[in-house]
Amino acid sequence: MSFSYNVEGDKHTDTGLYLFDVQFEDIAKKALNEVRPDIESETKSALRMSVQHSGDSELVNSVKSYEPSATKNGEGVCVKCLPTGRSSGKTYYYNHDRGKTVTKAVHNNDKAFWLEYGNSHQDAHPWRDRACNNAESRVLDKVENIIAKELGAE
């Protein structure tokens, strides 16, 4: 899951805000860095609502947000928030194309994917849309205020 802010324009031009003597990337990174805890808490909350067992959840506790970074095309900035690490002691098997059974470790990101889309053993329990919608409604005003403050608006 990632949140991004895209600027439209020519790919070959700089996305600097020339009137204000600041770079878009600097302002956007600062704004997204301020709201990272909110995004992380909304992601954990949405996952917690989709997890079917009671008690502590390794999947929910593994959610981590990363430092904001520019998109590949350079026209936006995004912050990534996702489950990380391996699930302790869990493995799954799949048949290799030559008939061999291969054992693979289960990663928390795999568990989040299976929770979102389901698999042959469980129905889907979507959480991503809920996390995005809740986080967007929670952080939108904060991001706008941070950008306005950086540009000198009162």
N, C-alpha and C. Protein backbone atom coordinates (compact mmCIF):
# COMPACT_ATOMS: atom_id res chain seq x y z
N MET A 1 0.84 -1.15 0.00
CA MET A 1 0.00 0.00 0.00
C MET A 1 0.89 1.22 0.00
N SER A 2 0.59 2.16 -0.87
CA SER A 2 1.35 3.39 -0.85
C SER A 2 0.44 4.56 -1.16
N PHE A 3 0.81 5.70 -0.65
CA PHE A 3 0.09 6.93 -0.92
C PHE A 3 1.00 7.80 -1.74
N SER A 4 0.46 8.46 -2.73
CA SER A 4 1.31 9.29 -3.57
C SER A 4 0.60 10.58 -3.95
N TYR A 5 1.38 11.55 -4.31
CA TYR A 5 0.87 12.82 -4.80
C TYR A 5 1.56 13.07 -6.12
N ASN A 6 0.81 13.11 -7.21
CA ASN A 6 1.41 13.24 -8.53
C ASN A 6 1.26 14.66 -9.06
N VAL A 7 2.28 15.10 -9.74
CA VAL A 7 2.27 16.40 -10.39
C VAL A 7 2.22 16.15 -11.88
N GLU A 8 1.28 16.75 -12.57
CA GLU A 8 1.20 16.57 -14.01
C GLU A 8 2.07 17.60 -14.70
N GLY A 9 2.63 17.21 -15.79
CA GLY A 9 3.46 18.12 -16.55
C GLY A 9 4.39 17.33 -17.44
N ASP A 10 5.30 18.02 -18.07
CA ASP A 10 6.26 17.40 -18.96
C ASP A 10 7.28 16.62 -18.14
N LYS A 11 7.53 15.38 -18.53
CA LYS A 11 8.48 14.53 -17.79
C LYS A 11 9.89 15.11 -17.80
N HIS A 12 10.21 15.85 -18.82
CA HIS A 12 11.58 16.30 -18.98
C HIS A 12 11.84 17.65 -18.32
N THR A 13 10.88 18.19 -17.61
CA THR A 13 11.09 19.46 -16.92
C THR A 13 11.17 19.22 -15.43
N ASP A 14 11.77 20.15 -14.74
CA ASP A 14 11.91 20.06 -13.29
C ASP A 14 10.56 20.37 -12.66
N THR A 15 10.21 19.69 -11.57
CA THR A 15 8.93 19.93 -10.91
C THR A 15 9.06 20.94 -9.78
N GLY A 16 10.04 21.81 -9.84
CA GLY A 16 10.23 22.82 -8.80
C GLY A 16 9.13 23.86 -8.83
N LEU A 17 8.83 24.42 -7.67
CA LEU A 17 7.86 25.50 -7.58
C LEU A 17 8.66 26.80 -7.65
N TYR A 18 8.79 27.34 -8.82
CA TYR A 18 9.69 28.46 -9.05
C TYR A 18 9.26 29.73 -8.34
N LEU A 19 7.97 29.93 -8.15
CA LEU A 19 7.50 31.15 -7.50
C LEU A 19 7.89 31.20 -6.03
N PHE A 20 8.05 30.05 -5.41
CA PHE A 20 8.28 30.00 -3.98
C PHE A 20 9.71 29.61 -3.61
N ASP A 21 10.57 29.38 -4.58
CA ASP A 21 11.97 29.05 -4.34
C ASP A 21 12.13 27.78 -3.48
N VAL A 22 11.26 26.79 -3.70
CA VAL A 22 11.36 25.50 -3.02
C VAL A 22 11.11 24.40 -4.03
N GLN A 23 11.56 23.22 -3.73
CA GLN A 23 11.35 22.06 -4.58
C GLN A 23 10.11 21.30 -4.11
N PHE A 24 9.34 20.82 -5.06
CA PHE A 24 8.15 20.05 -4.75
C PHE A 24 8.49 18.82 -3.91
N GLU A 25 9.56 18.13 -4.29
CA GLU A 25 9.93 16.90 -3.59
C GLU A 25 10.20 17.15 -2.12
N ASP A 26 10.85 18.27 -1.80
CA ASP A 26 11.17 18.58 -0.41
C ASP A 26 9.90 18.78 0.42
N ILE A 27 8.96 19.55 -0.13
CA ILE A 27 7.71 19.82 0.58
C ILE A 27 6.89 18.54 0.72
N ALA A 28 6.77 17.79 -0.36
CA ALA A 28 5.97 16.56 -0.33
C ALA A 28 6.56 15.53 0.62
N LYS A 29 7.88 15.38 0.61
CA LYS A 29 8.52 14.43 1.52
C LYS A 29 8.31 14.84 2.97
N LYS A 30 8.42 16.13 3.25
CA LYS A 30 8.21 16.60 4.62
C LYS A 30 6.77 16.35 5.06
N ALA A 31 5.80 16.65 4.18
CA ALA A 31 4.39 16.46 4.51
C ALA A 31 4.07 14.98 4.74
N LEU A 32 4.55 14.11 3.87
CA LEU A 32 4.28 12.68 4.03
C LEU A 32 5.00 12.09 5.24
N ASN A 33 6.16 12.63 5.55
CA ASN A 33 6.89 12.16 6.72
C ASN A 33 6.13 12.51 8.01
N GLU A 34 5.44 13.64 8.02
CA GLU A 34 4.66 14.05 9.19
C GLU A 34 3.46 13.13 9.43
N VAL A 35 2.89 12.60 8.36
CA VAL A 35 1.67 11.78 8.51
C VAL A 35 1.95 10.28 8.48
N ARG A 36 3.21 9.88 8.43
CA ARG A 36 3.55 8.45 8.44
C ARG A 36 2.95 7.68 9.61
N PRO A 37 2.99 8.22 10.84
CA PRO A 37 2.38 7.46 11.96
C PRO A 37 0.87 7.25 11.78
N ASP A 38 0.18 8.23 11.20
CA ASP A 38 -1.26 8.09 10.97
C ASP A 38 -1.53 7.01 9.93
N ILE A 39 -0.76 6.99 8.87
CA ILE A 39 -0.92 5.98 7.83
C ILE A 39 -0.66 4.58 8.40
N GLU A 40 0.39 4.48 9.20
CA GLU A 40 0.73 3.19 9.80
C GLU A 40 -0.36 2.71 10.76
N SER A 41 -0.89 3.60 11.57
CA SER A 41 -1.92 3.18 12.52
C SER A 41 -3.22 2.79 11.81
N GLU A 42 -3.58 3.47 10.73
CA GLU A 42 -4.78 3.11 9.98
C GLU A 42 -4.60 1.77 9.26
N THR A 43 -3.40 1.50 8.77
CA THR A 43 -3.12 0.21 8.14
C THR A 43 -3.23 -0.92 9.16
N LYS A 44 -2.66 -0.71 10.34
CA LYS A 44 -2.75 -1.72 11.39
C LYS A 44 -4.20 -1.95 11.82
N SER A 45 -4.94 -0.87 11.92
CA SER A 45 -6.34 -0.98 12.32
C SER A 45 -7.15 -1.77 11.29
N ALA A 46 -6.95 -1.49 10.02
CA ALA A 46 -7.68 -2.20 8.97
C ALA A 46 -7.30 -3.68 8.94
N LEU A 47 -6.02 -3.99 9.11
CA LEU A 47 -5.59 -5.39 9.16
C LEU A 47 -6.19 -6.10 10.37
N ARG A 48 -6.20 -5.42 11.51
CA ARG A 48 -6.74 -6.01 12.74
C ARG A 48 -8.22 -6.38 12.55
N MET A 49 -8.96 -5.54 11.80
CA MET A 49 -10.38 -5.82 11.57
C MET A 49 -10.57 -7.02 10.64
N SER A 50 -9.59 -7.32 9.80
CA SER A 50 -9.71 -8.43 8.86
C SER A 50 -9.15 -9.74 9.40
N VAL A 51 -8.27 -9.68 10.38
CA VAL A 51 -7.70 -10.89 10.97
C VAL A 51 -8.80 -11.59 11.76
N GLN A 52 -8.93 -12.89 11.57
CA GLN A 52 -10.05 -13.65 12.14
C GLN A 52 -9.81 -14.19 13.54
N HIS A 53 -8.59 -14.15 14.04
CA HIS A 53 -8.36 -14.70 15.37
C HIS A 53 -8.26 -13.57 16.40
N SER A 54 -8.51 -13.91 17.65
CA SER A 54 -8.41 -12.91 18.71
C SER A 54 -6.98 -12.90 19.25
N GLY A 55 -6.66 -11.88 20.00
CA GLY A 55 -5.34 -11.78 20.60
C GLY A 55 -4.36 -11.04 19.71
N ASP A 56 -3.11 -11.13 20.10
CA ASP A 56 -2.04 -10.44 19.40
C ASP A 56 -1.83 -11.05 18.02
N SER A 57 -1.47 -10.22 17.03
CA SER A 57 -1.27 -10.72 15.68
C SER A 57 0.11 -10.34 15.18
N GLU A 58 0.86 -11.34 14.77
CA GLU A 58 2.19 -11.12 14.22
C GLU A 58 2.11 -10.28 12.94
N LEU A 59 1.08 -10.51 12.15
CA LEU A 59 0.89 -9.76 10.91
C LEU A 59 0.67 -8.28 11.20
N VAL A 60 -0.20 -7.96 12.11
CA VAL A 60 -0.50 -6.56 12.44
C VAL A 60 0.73 -5.88 13.04
N ASN A 61 1.44 -6.58 13.90
CA ASN A 61 2.62 -5.98 14.54
C ASN A 61 3.78 -5.78 13.57
N SER A 62 3.76 -6.43 12.42
CA SER A 62 4.87 -6.32 11.48
C SER A 62 4.73 -5.14 10.53
N VAL A 63 3.61 -4.41 10.56
CA VAL A 63 3.39 -3.29 9.65
C VAL A 63 4.41 -2.19 9.93
N LYS A 64 5.03 -1.71 8.86
CA LYS A 64 6.06 -0.68 8.98
C LYS A 64 5.91 0.30 7.82
N SER A 65 6.13 1.58 8.11
CA SER A 65 6.11 2.57 7.04
C SER A 65 7.55 3.01 6.78
N TYR A 66 7.81 3.36 5.54
CA TYR A 66 9.17 3.72 5.12
C TYR A 66 9.25 5.20 4.79
N GLU A 67 10.45 5.69 4.75
CA GLU A 67 10.73 7.10 4.43
C GLU A 67 10.14 7.43 3.05
N PRO A 68 9.49 8.60 2.91
CA PRO A 68 8.94 8.98 1.60
C PRO A 68 10.04 9.06 0.54
N SER A 69 9.69 8.67 -0.69
CA SER A 69 10.66 8.71 -1.78
C SER A 69 9.95 9.15 -3.06
N ALA A 70 10.75 9.61 -4.01
CA ALA A 70 10.20 10.04 -5.30
C ALA A 70 9.76 8.82 -6.10
N THR A 71 8.75 8.99 -6.92
CA THR A 71 8.30 7.90 -7.79
C THR A 71 9.33 7.68 -8.89
N LYS A 72 9.23 6.57 -9.58
CA LYS A 72 10.22 6.23 -10.61
C LYS A 72 10.28 7.27 -11.72
N ASN A 73 9.13 7.82 -12.09
CA ASN A 73 9.13 8.81 -13.18
C ASN A 73 9.46 10.21 -12.67
N GLY A 74 9.62 10.39 -11.38
CA GLY A 74 10.02 11.67 -10.82
C GLY A 74 8.91 12.70 -10.73
N GLU A 75 7.68 12.30 -10.97
CA GLU A 75 6.58 13.26 -10.96
C GLU A 75 5.75 13.21 -9.69
N GLY A 76 6.17 12.49 -8.69
CA GLY A 76 5.42 12.39 -7.45
C GLY A 76 6.28 11.88 -6.33
N VAL A 77 5.70 11.83 -5.14
CA VAL A 77 6.37 11.32 -3.95
C VAL A 77 5.41 10.36 -3.28
N CYS A 78 5.93 9.24 -2.77
CA CYS A 78 5.05 8.28 -2.10
C CYS A 78 5.69 7.77 -0.82
N VAL A 79 4.84 7.30 0.08
CA VAL A 79 5.30 6.65 1.30
C VAL A 79 4.70 5.25 1.28
N LYS A 80 5.53 4.25 1.58
CA LYS A 80 5.08 2.86 1.55
C LYS A 80 4.84 2.39 2.98
N CYS A 81 3.77 1.66 3.14
CA CYS A 81 3.40 1.12 4.44
C CYS A 81 2.90 -0.30 4.20
N LEU A 82 3.61 -1.30 4.73
CA LEU A 82 3.26 -2.68 4.45
C LEU A 82 3.79 -3.62 5.52
N PRO A 83 3.23 -4.83 5.59
CA PRO A 83 3.74 -5.83 6.52
C PRO A 83 5.14 -6.29 6.10
N THR A 84 5.99 -6.52 7.07
CA THR A 84 7.38 -6.89 6.78
C THR A 84 7.76 -8.17 7.52
N GLY A 85 8.85 -8.76 7.11
CA GLY A 85 9.44 -9.89 7.81
C GLY A 85 8.78 -11.22 7.53
N ARG A 86 9.37 -12.26 8.12
CA ARG A 86 8.87 -13.62 7.98
C ARG A 86 7.95 -13.96 9.13
N SER A 87 7.03 -14.83 8.85
CA SER A 87 6.17 -15.36 9.88
C SER A 87 6.94 -16.44 10.62
N SER A 88 6.93 -16.39 11.92
CA SER A 88 7.76 -17.30 12.70
C SER A 88 7.30 -18.75 12.57
N GLY A 89 8.18 -19.58 12.05
CA GLY A 89 7.95 -21.02 11.99
C GLY A 89 6.95 -21.49 10.95
N LYS A 90 6.42 -20.62 10.14
CA LYS A 90 5.41 -21.01 9.16
C LYS A 90 6.06 -21.29 7.81
N THR A 91 5.56 -22.33 7.13
CA THR A 91 6.03 -22.66 5.78
C THR A 91 4.83 -23.09 4.95
N TYR A 92 5.01 -23.06 3.66
CA TYR A 92 4.00 -23.61 2.77
C TYR A 92 4.71 -24.39 1.67
N TYR A 93 3.97 -25.25 1.02
CA TYR A 93 4.53 -26.14 0.02
C TYR A 93 3.91 -25.86 -1.34
N TYR A 94 4.71 -26.01 -2.35
CA TYR A 94 4.15 -25.97 -3.70
C TYR A 94 4.93 -26.95 -4.56
N ASN A 95 4.28 -27.44 -5.61
CA ASN A 95 4.90 -28.43 -6.48
C ASN A 95 5.70 -27.73 -7.56
N HIS A 96 6.96 -28.10 -7.64
CA HIS A 96 7.84 -27.58 -8.66
C HIS A 96 7.44 -28.17 -10.01
N ASP A 97 7.85 -27.57 -11.09
CA ASP A 97 7.44 -28.05 -12.42
C ASP A 97 7.97 -29.44 -12.73
N ARG A 98 8.94 -29.93 -11.98
CA ARG A 98 9.47 -31.27 -12.24
C ARG A 98 8.94 -32.30 -11.24
N GLY A 99 7.85 -31.94 -10.56
CA GLY A 99 7.24 -32.89 -9.64
C GLY A 99 7.77 -32.85 -8.23
N LYS A 100 8.77 -32.01 -7.96
CA LYS A 100 9.32 -31.89 -6.63
C LYS A 100 8.47 -30.97 -5.78
N THR A 101 8.32 -31.28 -4.52
CA THR A 101 7.63 -30.39 -3.60
C THR A 101 8.66 -29.48 -2.95
N VAL A 102 8.41 -28.19 -3.02
CA VAL A 102 9.35 -27.20 -2.48
C VAL A 102 8.72 -26.54 -1.27
N THR A 103 9.51 -26.40 -0.21
CA THR A 103 9.05 -25.73 1.00
C THR A 103 9.53 -24.29 0.97
N LYS A 104 8.63 -23.34 1.22
CA LYS A 104 8.98 -21.92 1.24
C LYS A 104 8.54 -21.30 2.55
N ALA A 105 9.29 -20.33 3.01
CA ALA A 105 8.92 -19.59 4.22
C ALA A 105 7.75 -18.68 3.92
N VAL A 106 6.89 -18.48 4.91
CA VAL A 106 5.76 -17.57 4.76
C VAL A 106 6.18 -16.20 5.26
N HIS A 107 6.03 -15.20 4.41
CA HIS A 107 6.32 -13.83 4.79
C HIS A 107 5.02 -13.15 5.18
N ASN A 108 5.11 -12.16 6.04
CA ASN A 108 3.91 -11.45 6.48
C ASN A 108 3.20 -10.75 5.32
N ASN A 109 3.97 -10.33 4.33
CA ASN A 109 3.36 -9.71 3.15
C ASN A 109 2.52 -10.73 2.38
N ASP A 110 2.97 -12.01 2.36
CA ASP A 110 2.18 -13.09 1.74
C ASP A 110 0.86 -13.26 2.49
N LYS A 111 0.93 -13.26 3.82
CA LYS A 111 -0.28 -13.42 4.62
C LYS A 111 -1.25 -12.28 4.37
N ALA A 112 -0.73 -11.06 4.23
CA ALA A 112 -1.59 -9.91 3.95
C ALA A 112 -2.24 -10.05 2.58
N PHE A 113 -1.50 -10.55 1.59
CA PHE A 113 -2.05 -10.78 0.26
C PHE A 113 -3.15 -11.82 0.30
N TRP A 114 -2.90 -12.94 0.99
CA TRP A 114 -3.90 -13.99 1.08
C TRP A 114 -5.13 -13.51 1.84
N LEU A 115 -4.93 -12.66 2.83
CA LEU A 115 -6.05 -12.10 3.56
C LEU A 115 -6.89 -11.20 2.67
N GLU A 116 -6.23 -10.40 1.84
CA GLU A 116 -6.92 -9.47 0.94
C GLU A 116 -7.70 -10.21 -0.15
N TYR A 117 -7.08 -11.20 -0.79
CA TYR A 117 -7.68 -11.84 -1.95
C TYR A 117 -8.20 -13.25 -1.70
N GLY A 118 -7.88 -13.83 -0.56
CA GLY A 118 -8.31 -15.19 -0.27
C GLY A 118 -7.40 -16.21 -0.93
N ASN A 119 -7.64 -17.47 -0.61
CA ASN A 119 -6.92 -18.58 -1.25
C ASN A 119 -7.81 -19.82 -1.18
N SER A 120 -7.28 -20.96 -1.47
CA SER A 120 -8.11 -22.17 -1.51
C SER A 120 -8.59 -22.59 -0.12
N HIS A 121 -7.99 -22.06 0.94
CA HIS A 121 -8.36 -22.44 2.30
C HIS A 121 -9.22 -21.42 3.02
N GLN A 122 -9.28 -20.19 2.51
CA GLN A 122 -10.03 -19.15 3.21
C GLN A 122 -10.62 -18.15 2.22
N ASP A 123 -11.71 -17.55 2.63
CA ASP A 123 -12.33 -16.51 1.82
C ASP A 123 -11.53 -15.21 1.97
N ALA A 124 -11.76 -14.30 1.05
CA ALA A 124 -11.10 -13.00 1.10
C ALA A 124 -11.68 -12.16 2.23
N HIS A 125 -10.81 -11.43 2.90
CA HIS A 125 -11.19 -10.46 3.93
C HIS A 125 -10.46 -9.17 3.61
N PRO A 126 -10.99 -8.39 2.67
CA PRO A 126 -10.28 -7.20 2.17
C PRO A 126 -9.98 -6.18 3.28
N TRP A 127 -8.79 -5.60 3.22
CA TRP A 127 -8.38 -4.60 4.20
C TRP A 127 -7.74 -3.38 3.54
N ARG A 128 -7.20 -3.51 2.34
CA ARG A 128 -6.46 -2.41 1.71
C ARG A 128 -7.32 -1.19 1.42
N ASP A 129 -8.49 -1.38 0.84
CA ASP A 129 -9.35 -0.24 0.54
C ASP A 129 -9.77 0.48 1.81
N ARG A 130 -10.07 -0.28 2.84
CA ARG A 130 -10.45 0.31 4.13
C ARG A 130 -9.29 1.12 4.70
N ALA A 131 -8.10 0.58 4.62
CA ALA A 131 -6.93 1.30 5.14
C ALA A 131 -6.68 2.58 4.35
N CYS A 132 -6.76 2.50 3.03
CA CYS A 132 -6.52 3.69 2.19
C CYS A 132 -7.57 4.76 2.45
N ASN A 133 -8.83 4.37 2.49
CA ASN A 133 -9.90 5.35 2.69
C ASN A 133 -9.81 6.01 4.06
N ASN A 134 -9.58 5.23 5.10
CA ASN A 134 -9.48 5.78 6.45
C ASN A 134 -8.26 6.69 6.59
N ALA A 135 -7.14 6.25 6.04
CA ALA A 135 -5.92 7.06 6.14
C ALA A 135 -6.06 8.34 5.33
N GLU A 136 -6.66 8.25 4.16
CA GLU A 136 -6.82 9.45 3.33
C GLU A 136 -7.68 10.49 4.03
N SER A 137 -8.78 10.07 4.61
CA SER A 137 -9.65 11.02 5.30
C SER A 137 -8.96 11.60 6.54
N ARG A 138 -8.07 10.84 7.15
CA ARG A 138 -7.39 11.30 8.36
C ARG A 138 -6.22 12.24 8.07
N VAL A 139 -5.51 12.03 6.96
CA VAL A 139 -4.28 12.79 6.73
C VAL A 139 -4.41 13.90 5.70
N LEU A 140 -5.47 13.95 4.93
CA LEU A 140 -5.59 14.92 3.85
C LEU A 140 -5.46 16.36 4.35
N ASP A 141 -6.19 16.71 5.40
CA ASP A 141 -6.11 18.07 5.94
C ASP A 141 -4.72 18.38 6.49
N LYS A 142 -4.10 17.40 7.14
CA LYS A 142 -2.76 17.61 7.69
C LYS A 142 -1.76 17.90 6.58
N VAL A 143 -1.83 17.14 5.50
CA VAL A 143 -0.91 17.34 4.37
C VAL A 143 -1.12 18.72 3.76
N GLU A 144 -2.37 19.09 3.56
CA GLU A 144 -2.66 20.41 3.00
C GLU A 144 -2.13 21.53 3.90
N ASN A 145 -2.31 21.40 5.22
CA ASN A 145 -1.82 22.41 6.15
C ASN A 145 -0.29 22.50 6.15
N ILE A 146 0.36 21.37 6.07
CA ILE A 146 1.83 21.36 6.05
C ILE A 146 2.35 22.02 4.78
N ILE A 147 1.74 21.71 3.65
CA ILE A 147 2.15 22.32 2.39
C ILE A 147 1.89 23.83 2.41
N ALA A 148 0.73 24.24 2.95
CA ALA A 148 0.42 25.67 3.04
C ALA A 148 1.41 26.38 3.94
N LYS A 149 1.79 25.74 5.04
CA LYS A 149 2.75 26.36 5.97
C LYS A 149 4.11 26.51 5.30
N GLU A 150 4.52 25.50 4.56
CA GLU A 150 5.82 25.55 3.87
C GLU A 150 5.85 26.63 2.79
N LEU A 151 4.69 26.89 2.17
CA LEU A 151 4.62 27.91 1.13
C LEU A 151 4.38 29.30 1.70
N GLY A 152 4.20 29.39 3.01
CA GLY A 152 4.04 30.68 3.65
C GLY A 152 2.61 31.17 3.75
N ALA A 153 1.64 30.31 3.54
CA ALA A 153 0.24 30.73 3.67
C ALA A 153 -0.13 30.80 5.14
N GLU A 154 -1.02 31.65 5.48
CA GLU A 154 -1.45 31.81 6.86
C GLU A 154 -2.87 31.33 7.03
